[in-house]
Amino acid sequence: MTTGKFMRSPEPEISYEVGDKVEVNCDHEKNGQRVRGWLKGTVVQVDDKNVAVQFRTNIYLTDGWMVPDQILWFPFDSANVRPALPKAKSSGKPDFNLL
């Protein structure tokens, strides 16, 4: 199959669905302090261009205002939203086999 020429390699499109776990780079509270960093949230609404993420902790806009409903909206291609990595389940056993 032949491929067309393009300026940059196409990136796989990220699609979100309600209920997806994501991480968002935002201002939030951690141990009583306001910090900026990655925070886990849940996708609560998706439209044609944006995704809404709700959190379980207080979050803030960049100008300092607290978001009362704890929901932030982002465009799909935002660098501040990424799918959350699944937690590694630990069985309590080592990951190697003894012979």
PDB file of N, CA and C in Angstrom:
ATOM      1  N   MET A   1       0.839  -1.170   0.000  1.00  0.00           N
ATOM      2  CA  MET A   1       0.000   0.000   0.000  1.00  0.00           C
ATOM      3  C   MET A   1       0.888   1.238   0.000  1.00  0.00           C
ATOM      4  N   THR A   2       0.595   2.166  -0.858  1.00  0.00           N
ATOM      5  CA  THR A   2       1.391   3.383  -0.915  1.00  0.00           C
ATOM      6  C   THR A   2       0.858   4.400   0.081  1.00  0.00           C
ATOM      7  N   THR A   3       1.754   5.189   0.601  1.00  0.00           N
ATOM      8  CA  THR A   3       1.343   6.230   1.540  1.00  0.00           C
ATOM      9  C   THR A   3       1.595   7.584   0.913  1.00  0.00           C
ATOM     10  N   GLY A   4       0.744   8.540   1.246  1.00  0.00           N
ATOM     11  CA  GLY A   4       0.912   9.886   0.729  1.00  0.00           C
ATOM     12  C   GLY A   4       1.979  10.632   1.501  1.00  0.00           C
ATOM     13  N   LYS A   5       2.430  11.717   0.913  1.00  0.00           N
ATOM     14  CA  LYS A   5       3.422  12.550   1.592  1.00  0.00           C
ATOM     15  C   LYS A   5       2.693  13.491   2.539  1.00  0.00           C
ATOM     16  N   PHE A   6       3.330  13.770   3.645  1.00  0.00           N
ATOM     17  CA  PHE A   6       2.736  14.671   4.621  1.00  0.00           C
ATOM     18  C   PHE A   6       3.826  15.442   5.333  1.00  0.00           C
ATOM     19  N   MET A   7       3.438  16.588   5.901  1.00  0.00           N
ATOM     20  CA  MET A   7       4.404  17.453   6.581  1.00  0.00           C
ATOM     21  C   MET A   7       4.931  16.813   7.856  1.00  0.00           C
ATOM     22  N   ARG A   8       4.041  16.222   8.621  1.00  0.00           N
ATOM     23  CA  ARG A   8       4.464  15.538   9.833  1.00  0.00           C
ATOM     24  C   ARG A   8       3.653  14.266   9.970  1.00  0.00           C
ATOM     25  N   SER A   9       4.184  13.337  10.669  1.00  0.00           N
ATOM     26  CA  SER A   9       3.535  12.056  10.847  1.00  0.00           C
ATOM     27  C   SER A   9       2.204  12.224  11.579  1.00  0.00           C
ATOM     28  N   PRO A  10       1.130  11.616  11.064  1.00  0.00           N
ATOM     29  CA  PRO A  10      -0.137  11.718  11.787  1.00  0.00           C
ATOM     30  C   PRO A  10      -0.056  10.972  13.108  1.00  0.00           C
ATOM     31  N   GLU A  11      -0.615  11.582  14.134  1.00  0.00           N
ATOM     32  CA  GLU A  11      -0.603  10.962  15.452  1.00  0.00           C
ATOM     33  C   GLU A  11      -1.935  10.256  15.663  1.00  0.00           C
ATOM     34  N   PRO A  12      -1.924   9.165  16.388  1.00  0.00           N
ATOM     35  CA  PRO A  12      -3.197   8.480  16.629  1.00  0.00           C
ATOM     36  C   PRO A  12      -4.141   9.404  17.401  1.00  0.00           C
ATOM     37  N   GLU A  13      -5.391   9.416  16.972  1.00  0.00           N
ATOM     38  CA  GLU A  13      -6.376  10.287  17.591  1.00  0.00           C
ATOM     39  C   GLU A  13      -6.794   9.722  18.942  1.00  0.00           C
ATOM     40  N   ILE A  14      -6.797  10.566  19.969  1.00  0.00           N
ATOM     41  CA  ILE A  14      -7.226  10.137  21.290  1.00  0.00           C
ATOM     42  C   ILE A  14      -8.716  10.399  21.396  1.00  0.00           C
ATOM     43  N   SER A  15      -9.450   9.396  21.803  1.00  0.00           N
ATOM     44  CA  SER A  15     -10.881   9.601  22.007  1.00  0.00           C
ATOM     45  C   SER A  15     -11.208   9.269  23.458  1.00  0.00           C
ATOM     46  N   TYR A  16     -12.075  10.054  24.021  1.00  0.00           N
ATOM     47  CA  TYR A  16     -12.484   9.863  25.409  1.00  0.00           C
ATOM     48  C   TYR A  16     -13.948   9.491  25.467  1.00  0.00           C
ATOM     49  N   GLU A  17     -14.309   8.722  26.484  1.00  0.00           N
ATOM     50  CA  GLU A  17     -15.694   8.363  26.732  1.00  0.00           C
ATOM     51  C   GLU A  17     -16.016   8.661  28.184  1.00  0.00           C
ATOM     52  N   VAL A  18     -17.291   8.926  28.455  1.00  0.00           N
ATOM     53  CA  VAL A  18     -17.714   9.182  29.825  1.00  0.00           C
ATOM     54  C   VAL A  18     -17.323   7.993  30.698  1.00  0.00           C
ATOM     55  N   GLY A  19     -16.710   8.290  31.831  1.00  0.00           N
ATOM     56  CA  GLY A  19     -16.256   7.251  32.750  1.00  0.00           C
ATOM     57  C   GLY A  19     -14.779   6.947  32.652  1.00  0.00           C
ATOM     58  N   ASP A  20     -14.109   7.413  31.580  1.00  0.00           N
ATOM     59  CA  ASP A  20     -12.669   7.187  31.441  1.00  0.00           C
ATOM     60  C   ASP A  20     -11.911   7.893  32.552  1.00  0.00           C
ATOM     61  N   LYS A  21     -10.859   7.263  33.030  1.00  0.00           N
ATOM     62  CA  LYS A  21      -9.960   7.873  34.012  1.00  0.00           C
ATOM     63  C   LYS A  21      -8.856   8.591  33.240  1.00  0.00           C
ATOM     64  N   VAL A  22      -8.606   9.848  33.604  1.00  0.00           N
ATOM     65  CA  VAL A  22      -7.574  10.645  32.942  1.00  0.00           C
ATOM     66  C   VAL A  22      -6.746  11.368  33.996  1.00  0.00           C
ATOM     67  N   GLU A  23      -5.635  11.930  33.559  1.00  0.00           N
ATOM     68  CA  GLU A  23      -4.808  12.797  34.393  1.00  0.00           C
ATOM     69  C   GLU A  23      -4.762  14.166  33.742  1.00  0.00           C
ATOM     70  N   VAL A  24      -4.852  15.197  34.578  1.00  0.00           N
ATOM     71  CA  VAL A  24      -4.887  16.571  34.089  1.00  0.00           C
ATOM     72  C   VAL A  24      -3.826  17.377  34.822  1.00  0.00           C
ATOM     73  N   ASN A  25      -3.085  18.186  34.087  1.00  0.00           N
ATOM     74  CA  ASN A  25      -2.100  19.078  34.670  1.00  0.00           C
ATOM     75  C   ASN A  25      -2.822  20.372  35.046  1.00  0.00           C
ATOM     76  N   CYS A  26      -3.047  20.577  36.351  1.00  0.00           N
ATOM     77  CA  CYS A  26      -3.826  21.724  36.804  1.00  0.00           C
ATOM     78  C   CYS A  26      -3.405  22.124  38.221  1.00  0.00           C
ATOM     79  N   ASP A  27      -3.903  23.289  38.657  1.00  0.00           N
ATOM     80  CA  ASP A  27      -3.699  23.744  40.035  1.00  0.00           C
ATOM     81  C   ASP A  27      -4.726  23.050  40.910  1.00  0.00           C
ATOM     82  N   HIS A  28      -4.264  22.446  42.023  1.00  0.00           N
ATOM     83  CA  HIS A  28      -5.167  21.733  42.924  1.00  0.00           C
ATOM     84  C   HIS A  28      -4.595  21.721  44.338  1.00  0.00           C
ATOM     85  N   GLU A  29      -5.377  21.211  45.280  1.00  0.00           N
ATOM     86  CA  GLU A  29      -4.917  21.109  46.660  1.00  0.00           C
ATOM     87  C   GLU A  29      -4.323  19.739  46.913  1.00  0.00           C
ATOM     88  N   LYS A  30      -3.188  19.751  47.608  1.00  0.00           N
ATOM     89  CA  LYS A  30      -2.540  18.509  48.023  1.00  0.00           C
ATOM     90  C   LYS A  30      -1.963  18.757  49.409  1.00  0.00           C
ATOM     91  N   ASN A  31      -2.399  17.981  50.373  1.00  0.00           N
ATOM     92  CA  ASN A  31      -1.960  18.131  51.767  1.00  0.00           C
ATOM     93  C   ASN A  31      -2.172  19.556  52.277  1.00  0.00           C
ATOM     94  N   GLY A  32      -3.290  20.162  51.901  1.00  0.00           N
ATOM     95  CA  GLY A  32      -3.623  21.502  52.365  1.00  0.00           C
ATOM     96  C   GLY A  32      -2.902  22.629  51.650  1.00  0.00           C
ATOM     97  N   GLN A  33      -2.065  22.312  50.691  1.00  0.00           N
ATOM     98  CA  GLN A  33      -1.318  23.318  49.944  1.00  0.00           C
ATOM     99  C   GLN A  33      -1.791  23.342  48.498  1.00  0.00           C
ATOM    100  N   ARG A  34      -1.750  24.504  47.884  1.00  0.00           N
ATOM    101  CA  ARG A  34      -2.078  24.624  46.470  1.00  0.00           C
ATOM    102  C   ARG A  34      -0.827  24.311  45.651  1.00  0.00           C
ATOM    103  N   VAL A  35      -0.944  23.351  44.751  1.00  0.00           N
ATOM    104  CA  VAL A  35       0.188  22.923  43.926  1.00  0.00           C
ATOM    105  C   VAL A  35      -0.261  22.817  42.475  1.00  0.00           C
ATOM    106  N   ARG A  36       0.703  22.784  41.568  1.00  0.00           N
ATOM    107  CA  ARG A  36       0.414  22.538  40.154  1.00  0.00           C
ATOM    108  C   ARG A  36       1.048  21.213  39.793  1.00  0.00           C
ATOM    109  N   GLY A  37       0.263  20.348  39.188  1.00  0.00           N
ATOM    110  CA  GLY A  37       0.775  19.046  38.797  1.00  0.00           C
ATOM    111  C   GLY A  37      -0.329  18.180  38.231  1.00  0.00           C
ATOM    112  N   TRP A  38      -0.008  16.923  38.004  1.00  0.00           N
ATOM    113  CA  TRP A  38      -0.956  15.988  37.411  1.00  0.00           C
ATOM    114  C   TRP A  38      -1.890  15.451  38.487  1.00  0.00           C
ATOM    115  N   LEU A  39      -3.193  15.490  38.174  1.00  0.00           N
ATOM    116  CA  LEU A  39      -4.231  15.060  39.105  1.00  0.00           C
ATOM    117  C   LEU A  39      -5.177  14.131  38.365  1.00  0.00           C
ATOM    118  N   LYS A  40      -5.548  13.012  39.005  1.00  0.00           N
ATOM    119  CA  LYS A  40      -6.466  12.067  38.370  1.00  0.00           C
ATOM    120  C   LYS A  40      -7.898  12.561  38.484  1.00  0.00           C
ATOM    121  N   GLY A  41      -8.649  12.369  37.408  1.00  0.00           N
ATOM    122  CA  GLY A  41     -10.050  12.738  37.363  1.00  0.00           C
ATOM    123  C   GLY A  41     -10.818  11.775  36.475  1.00  0.00           C
ATOM    124  N   THR A  42     -12.120  12.032  36.342  1.00  0.00           N
ATOM    125  CA  THR A  42     -13.005  11.181  35.562  1.00  0.00           C
ATOM    126  C   THR A  42     -13.702  12.008  34.493  1.00  0.00           C
ATOM    127  N   VAL A  43     -13.740  11.490  33.276  1.00  0.00           N
ATOM    128  CA  VAL A  43     -14.451  12.164  32.192  1.00  0.00           C
ATOM    129  C   VAL A  43     -15.950  12.076  32.483  1.00  0.00           C
ATOM    130  N   VAL A  44     -16.619  13.259  32.519  1.00  0.00           N
ATOM    131  CA  VAL A  44     -18.051  13.288  32.813  1.00  0.00           C
ATOM    132  C   VAL A  44     -18.886  13.740  31.628  1.00  0.00           C
ATOM    133  N   GLN A  45     -18.266  14.350  30.627  1.00  0.00           N
ATOM    134  CA  GLN A  45     -19.007  14.756  29.441  1.00  0.00           C
ATOM    135  C   GLN A  45     -18.041  14.905  28.272  1.00  0.00           C
ATOM    136  N   VAL A  46     -18.526  14.558  27.079  1.00  0.00           N
ATOM    137  CA  VAL A  46     -17.736  14.669  25.859  1.00  0.00           C
ATOM    138  C   VAL A  46     -18.632  15.289  24.793  1.00  0.00           C
ATOM    139  N   ASP A  47     -18.100  16.304  24.084  1.00  0.00           N
ATOM    140  CA  ASP A  47     -18.841  16.840  22.944  1.00  0.00           C
ATOM    141  C   ASP A  47     -17.951  16.758  21.711  1.00  0.00           C
ATOM    142  N   ASP A  48     -18.282  17.489  20.661  1.00  0.00           N
ATOM    143  CA  ASP A  48     -17.538  17.380  19.402  1.00  0.00           C
ATOM    144  C   ASP A  48     -16.075  17.794  19.505  1.00  0.00           C
ATOM    145  N   LYS A  49     -15.774  18.750  20.377  1.00  0.00           N
ATOM    146  CA  LYS A  49     -14.408  19.286  20.436  1.00  0.00           C
ATOM    147  C   LYS A  49     -13.767  19.235  21.814  1.00  0.00           C
ATOM    148  N   ASN A  50     -14.558  19.052  22.862  1.00  0.00           N
ATOM    149  CA  ASN A  50     -14.041  19.173  24.228  1.00  0.00           C
ATOM    150  C   ASN A  50     -14.378  17.968  25.089  1.00  0.00           C
ATOM    151  N   VAL A  51     -13.645  17.875  26.178  1.00  0.00           N
ATOM    152  CA  VAL A  51     -13.876  16.838  27.177  1.00  0.00           C
ATOM    153  C   VAL A  51     -13.937  17.515  28.548  1.00  0.00           C
ATOM    154  N   ALA A  52     -14.928  17.117  29.365  1.00  0.00           N
ATOM    155  CA  ALA A  52     -15.077  17.657  30.715  1.00  0.00           C
ATOM    156  C   ALA A  52     -14.584  16.618  31.710  1.00  0.00           C
ATOM    157  N   VAL A  53     -13.743  17.073  32.662  1.00  0.00           N
ATOM    158  CA  VAL A  53     -13.155  16.181  33.653  1.00  0.00           C
ATOM    159  C   VAL A  53     -13.539  16.676  35.040  1.00  0.00           C
ATOM    160  N   GLN A  54     -14.033  15.757  35.883  1.00  0.00           N
ATOM    161  CA  GLN A  54     -14.404  16.109  37.250  1.00  0.00           C
ATOM    162  C   GLN A  54     -13.418  15.477  38.221  1.00  0.00           C
ATOM    163  N   PHE A  55     -13.156  16.220  39.309  1.00  0.00           N
ATOM    164  CA  PHE A  55     -12.175  15.802  40.305  1.00  0.00           C
ATOM    165  C   PHE A  55     -12.836  15.648  41.661  1.00  0.00           C
ATOM    166  N   ARG A  56     -12.143  15.009  42.594  1.00  0.00           N
ATOM    167  CA  ARG A  56     -12.643  14.823  43.957  1.00  0.00           C
ATOM    168  C   ARG A  56     -11.975  15.758  44.947  1.00  0.00           C
ATOM    169  N   THR A  57     -11.184  16.670  44.466  1.00  0.00           N
ATOM    170  CA  THR A  57     -10.507  17.643  45.324  1.00  0.00           C
ATOM    171  C   THR A  57     -10.698  19.028  44.732  1.00  0.00           C
ATOM    172  N   ASN A  58     -10.403  20.054  45.517  1.00  0.00           N
ATOM    173  CA  ASN A  58     -10.535  21.422  45.020  1.00  0.00           C
ATOM    174  C   ASN A  58      -9.516  21.678  43.921  1.00  0.00           C
ATOM    175  N   ILE A  59      -9.982  22.323  42.861  1.00  0.00           N
ATOM    176  CA  ILE A  59      -9.118  22.707  41.752  1.00  0.00           C
ATOM    177  C   ILE A  59      -9.264  24.206  41.525  1.00  0.00           C
ATOM    178  N   TYR A  60      -8.269  24.806  40.887  1.00  0.00           N
ATOM    179  CA  TYR A  60      -8.222  26.251  40.715  1.00  0.00           C
ATOM    180  C   TYR A  60      -7.931  26.623  39.276  1.00  0.00           C
ATOM    181  N   LEU A  61      -8.480  27.762  38.853  1.00  0.00           N
ATOM    182  CA  LEU A  61      -8.121  28.333  37.565  1.00  0.00           C
ATOM    183  C   LEU A  61      -6.751  28.975  37.691  1.00  0.00           C
ATOM    184  N   THR A  62      -6.105  29.270  36.577  1.00  0.00           N
ATOM    185  CA  THR A  62      -4.764  29.843  36.628  1.00  0.00           C
ATOM    186  C   THR A  62      -4.748  31.227  37.262  1.00  0.00           C
ATOM    187  N   ASP A  63      -5.893  31.930  37.257  1.00  0.00           N
ATOM    188  CA  ASP A  63      -5.914  33.247  37.896  1.00  0.00           C
ATOM    189  C   ASP A  63      -6.255  33.181  39.381  1.00  0.00           C
ATOM    190  N   GLY A  64      -6.353  31.969  39.929  1.00  0.00           N
ATOM    191  CA  GLY A  64      -6.509  31.811  41.370  1.00  0.00           C
ATOM    192  C   GLY A  64      -7.893  31.473  41.866  1.00  0.00           C
ATOM    193  N   TRP A  65      -8.906  31.535  41.032  1.00  0.00           N
ATOM    194  CA  TRP A  65     -10.263  31.252  41.481  1.00  0.00           C
ATOM    195  C   TRP A  65     -10.490  29.753  41.602  1.00  0.00           C
ATOM    196  N   MET A  66     -11.139  29.339  42.714  1.00  0.00           N
ATOM    197  CA  MET A  66     -11.493  27.938  42.898  1.00  0.00           C
ATOM    198  C   MET A  66     -12.681  27.604  41.997  1.00  0.00           C
ATOM    199  N   VAL A  67     -12.669  26.419  41.413  1.00  0.00           N
ATOM    200  CA  VAL A  67     -13.750  25.970  40.538  1.00  0.00           C
ATOM    201  C   VAL A  67     -14.792  25.274  41.417  1.00  0.00           C
ATOM    202  N   PRO A  68     -15.999  25.862  41.570  1.00  0.00           N
ATOM    203  CA  PRO A  68     -16.963  25.327  42.537  1.00  0.00           C
ATOM    204  C   PRO A  68     -17.497  23.939  42.210  1.00  0.00           C
ATOM    205  N   ASP A  69     -17.676  23.593  40.938  1.00  0.00           N
ATOM    206  CA  ASP A  69     -18.222  22.276  40.599  1.00  0.00           C
ATOM    207  C   ASP A  69     -17.137  21.225  40.368  1.00  0.00           C
ATOM    208  N   GLN A  70     -15.879  21.605  40.511  1.00  0.00           N
ATOM    209  CA  GLN A  70     -14.715  20.729  40.357  1.00  0.00           C
ATOM    210  C   GLN A  70     -14.669  20.060  38.982  1.00  0.00           C
ATOM    211  N   ILE A  71     -15.126  20.796  37.947  1.00  0.00           N
ATOM    212  CA  ILE A  71     -15.090  20.297  36.575  1.00  0.00           C
ATOM    213  C   ILE A  71     -14.306  21.274  35.711  1.00  0.00           C
ATOM    214  N   LEU A  72     -13.366  20.749  34.936  1.00  0.00           N
ATOM    215  CA  LEU A  72     -12.617  21.544  33.971  1.00  0.00           C
ATOM    216  C   LEU A  72     -12.868  20.994  32.571  1.00  0.00           C
ATOM    217  N   TRP A  73     -12.945  21.904  31.591  1.00  0.00           N
ATOM    218  CA  TRP A  73     -13.133  21.541  30.181  1.00  0.00           C
ATOM    219  C   TRP A  73     -11.817  21.717  29.438  1.00  0.00           C
ATOM    220  N   PHE A  74     -11.521  20.770  28.554  1.00  0.00           N
ATOM    221  CA  PHE A  74     -10.300  20.817  27.750  1.00  0.00           C
ATOM    222  C   PHE A  74     -10.615  20.406  26.317  1.00  0.00           C
ATOM    223  N   PRO A  75      -9.894  20.986  25.328  1.00  0.00           N
ATOM    224  CA  PRO A  75     -10.008  20.469  23.961  1.00  0.00           C
ATOM    225  C   PRO A  75      -9.336  19.098  23.888  1.00  0.00           C
ATOM    226  N   PHE A  76      -9.769  18.267  22.940  1.00  0.00           N
ATOM    227  CA  PHE A  76      -9.207  16.917  22.813  1.00  0.00           C
ATOM    228  C   PHE A  76      -7.694  16.914  22.651  1.00  0.00           C
ATOM    229  N   ASP A  77      -7.159  17.909  21.935  1.00  0.00           N
ATOM    230  CA  ASP A  77      -5.729  17.906  21.649  1.00  0.00           C
ATOM    231  C   ASP A  77      -4.896  18.647  22.693  1.00  0.00           C
ATOM    232  N   SER A  78      -5.457  18.935  23.856  1.00  0.00           N
ATOM    233  CA  SER A  78      -4.737  19.648  24.901  1.00  0.00           C
ATOM    234  C   SER A  78      -3.577  18.811  25.442  1.00  0.00           C
ATOM    235  N   ALA A  79      -2.448  19.463  25.657  1.00  0.00           N
ATOM    236  CA  ALA A  79      -1.287  18.790  26.250  1.00  0.00           C
ATOM    237  C   ALA A  79      -1.470  18.599  27.751  1.00  0.00           C
ATOM    238  N   ASN A  80      -2.522  19.189  28.319  1.00  0.00           N
ATOM    239  CA  ASN A  80      -2.764  19.101  29.766  1.00  0.00           C
ATOM    240  C   ASN A  80      -3.683  17.951  30.163  1.00  0.00           C
ATOM    241  N   VAL A  81      -4.081  17.129  29.210  1.00  0.00           N
ATOM    242  CA  VAL A  81      -4.927  15.966  29.498  1.00  0.00           C
ATOM    243  C   VAL A  81      -4.287  14.740  28.867  1.00  0.00           C
ATOM    244  N   ARG A  82      -4.258  13.659  29.639  1.00  0.00           N
ATOM    245  CA  ARG A  82      -3.737  12.401  29.110  1.00  0.00           C
ATOM    246  C   ARG A  82      -4.490  11.244  29.765  1.00  0.00           C
ATOM    247  N   PRO A  83      -4.610  10.131  29.073  1.00  0.00           N
ATOM    248  CA  PRO A  83      -5.254   8.963  29.693  1.00  0.00           C
ATOM    249  C   PRO A  83      -4.450   8.517  30.907  1.00  0.00           C
ATOM    250  N   ALA A  84      -5.143   8.146  31.971  1.00  0.00           N
ATOM    251  CA  ALA A  84      -4.460   7.683  33.183  1.00  0.00           C
ATOM    252  C   ALA A  84      -3.899   6.288  32.942  1.00  0.00           C
ATOM    253  N   LEU A  85      -2.724   6.059  33.454  1.00  0.00           N
ATOM    254  CA  LEU A  85      -2.126   4.736  33.354  1.00  0.00           C
ATOM    255  C   LEU A  85      -2.814   3.824  34.353  1.00  0.00           C
ATOM    256  N   PRO A  86      -3.130   2.596  33.946  1.00  0.00           N
ATOM    257  CA  PRO A  86      -3.764   1.676  34.892  1.00  0.00           C
ATOM    258  C   PRO A  86      -2.801   1.317  36.017  1.00  0.00           C
ATOM    259  N   LYS A  87      -3.357   1.134  37.201  1.00  0.00           N
ATOM    260  CA  LYS A  87      -2.521   0.738  38.336  1.00  0.00           C
ATOM    261  C   LYS A  87      -2.027  -0.682  38.125  1.00  0.00           C
ATOM    262  N   ALA A  88      -0.768  -0.890  38.474  1.00  0.00           N
ATOM    263  CA  ALA A  88      -0.222  -2.247  38.407  1.00  0.00           C
ATOM    264  C   ALA A  88      -0.739  -3.014  39.610  1.00  0.00           C
ATOM    265  N   LYS A  89      -1.376  -4.140  39.344  1.00  0.00           N
ATOM    266  CA  LYS A  89      -1.922  -4.944  40.434  1.00  0.00           C
ATOM    267  C   LYS A  89      -0.814  -5.794  41.020  1.00  0.00           C
ATOM    268  N   SER A  90      -0.659  -5.692  42.303  1.00  0.00           N
ATOM    269  CA  SER A  90       0.373  -6.456  42.984  1.00  0.00           C
ATOM    270  C   SER A  90      -0.266  -7.656  43.667  1.00  0.00           C
ATOM    271  N   SER A  91       0.232  -8.828  43.356  1.00  0.00           N
ATOM    272  CA  SER A  91      -0.300 -10.042  43.964  1.00  0.00           C
ATOM    273  C   SER A  91       0.444 -10.385  45.248  1.00  0.00           C
ATOM    274  N   GLY A  92       1.489  -9.627  45.555  1.00  0.00           N
ATOM    275  CA  GLY A  92       2.285  -9.926  46.736  1.00  0.00           C
ATOM    276  C   GLY A  92       3.364 -10.950  46.460  1.00  0.00           C
ATOM    277  N   LYS A  93       3.367 -11.496  45.250  1.00  0.00           N
ATOM    278  CA  LYS A  93       4.363 -12.496  44.877  1.00  0.00           C
ATOM    279  C   LYS A  93       5.398 -11.845  43.975  1.00  0.00           C
ATOM    280  N   PRO A  94       6.638 -12.323  43.981  1.00  0.00           N
ATOM    281  CA  PRO A  94       7.647 -11.782  43.075  1.00  0.00           C
ATOM    282  C   PRO A  94       7.279 -12.075  41.620  1.00  0.00           C
ATOM    283  N   ASP A  95       7.788 -11.256  40.708  1.00  0.00           N
ATOM    284  CA  ASP A  95       7.489 -11.386  39.286  1.00  0.00           C
ATOM    285  C   ASP A  95       8.422 -12.365  38.567  1.00  0.00           C
ATOM    286  N   PHE A  96       9.071 -13.234  39.281  1.00  0.00           N
ATOM    287  CA  PHE A  96       9.959 -14.198  38.634  1.00  0.00           C
ATOM    288  C   PHE A  96       9.625 -15.598  39.111  1.00  0.00           C
ATOM    289  N   ASN A  97       9.993 -16.546  38.311  1.00  0.00           N
ATOM    290  CA  ASN A  97       9.736 -17.964  38.658  1.00  0.00           C
ATOM    291  C   ASN A  97      11.014 -18.609  39.135  1.00  0.00           C
ATOM    292  N   LEU A  98      10.902 -19.363  40.192  1.00  0.00           N
ATOM    293  CA  LEU A  98      12.048 -20.123  40.682  1.00  0.00           C
ATOM    294  C   LEU A  98      11.989 -21.528  40.098  1.00  0.00           C
ATOM    295  N   LEU A  99      13.126 -22.029  39.649  1.00  0.00           N
ATOM    296  CA  LEU A  99      13.171 -23.366  39.051  1.00  0.00           C
ATOM    297  C   LEU A  99      13.397 -24.416  40.079  1.00  0.00           C
TER     298      LEU A  99
END
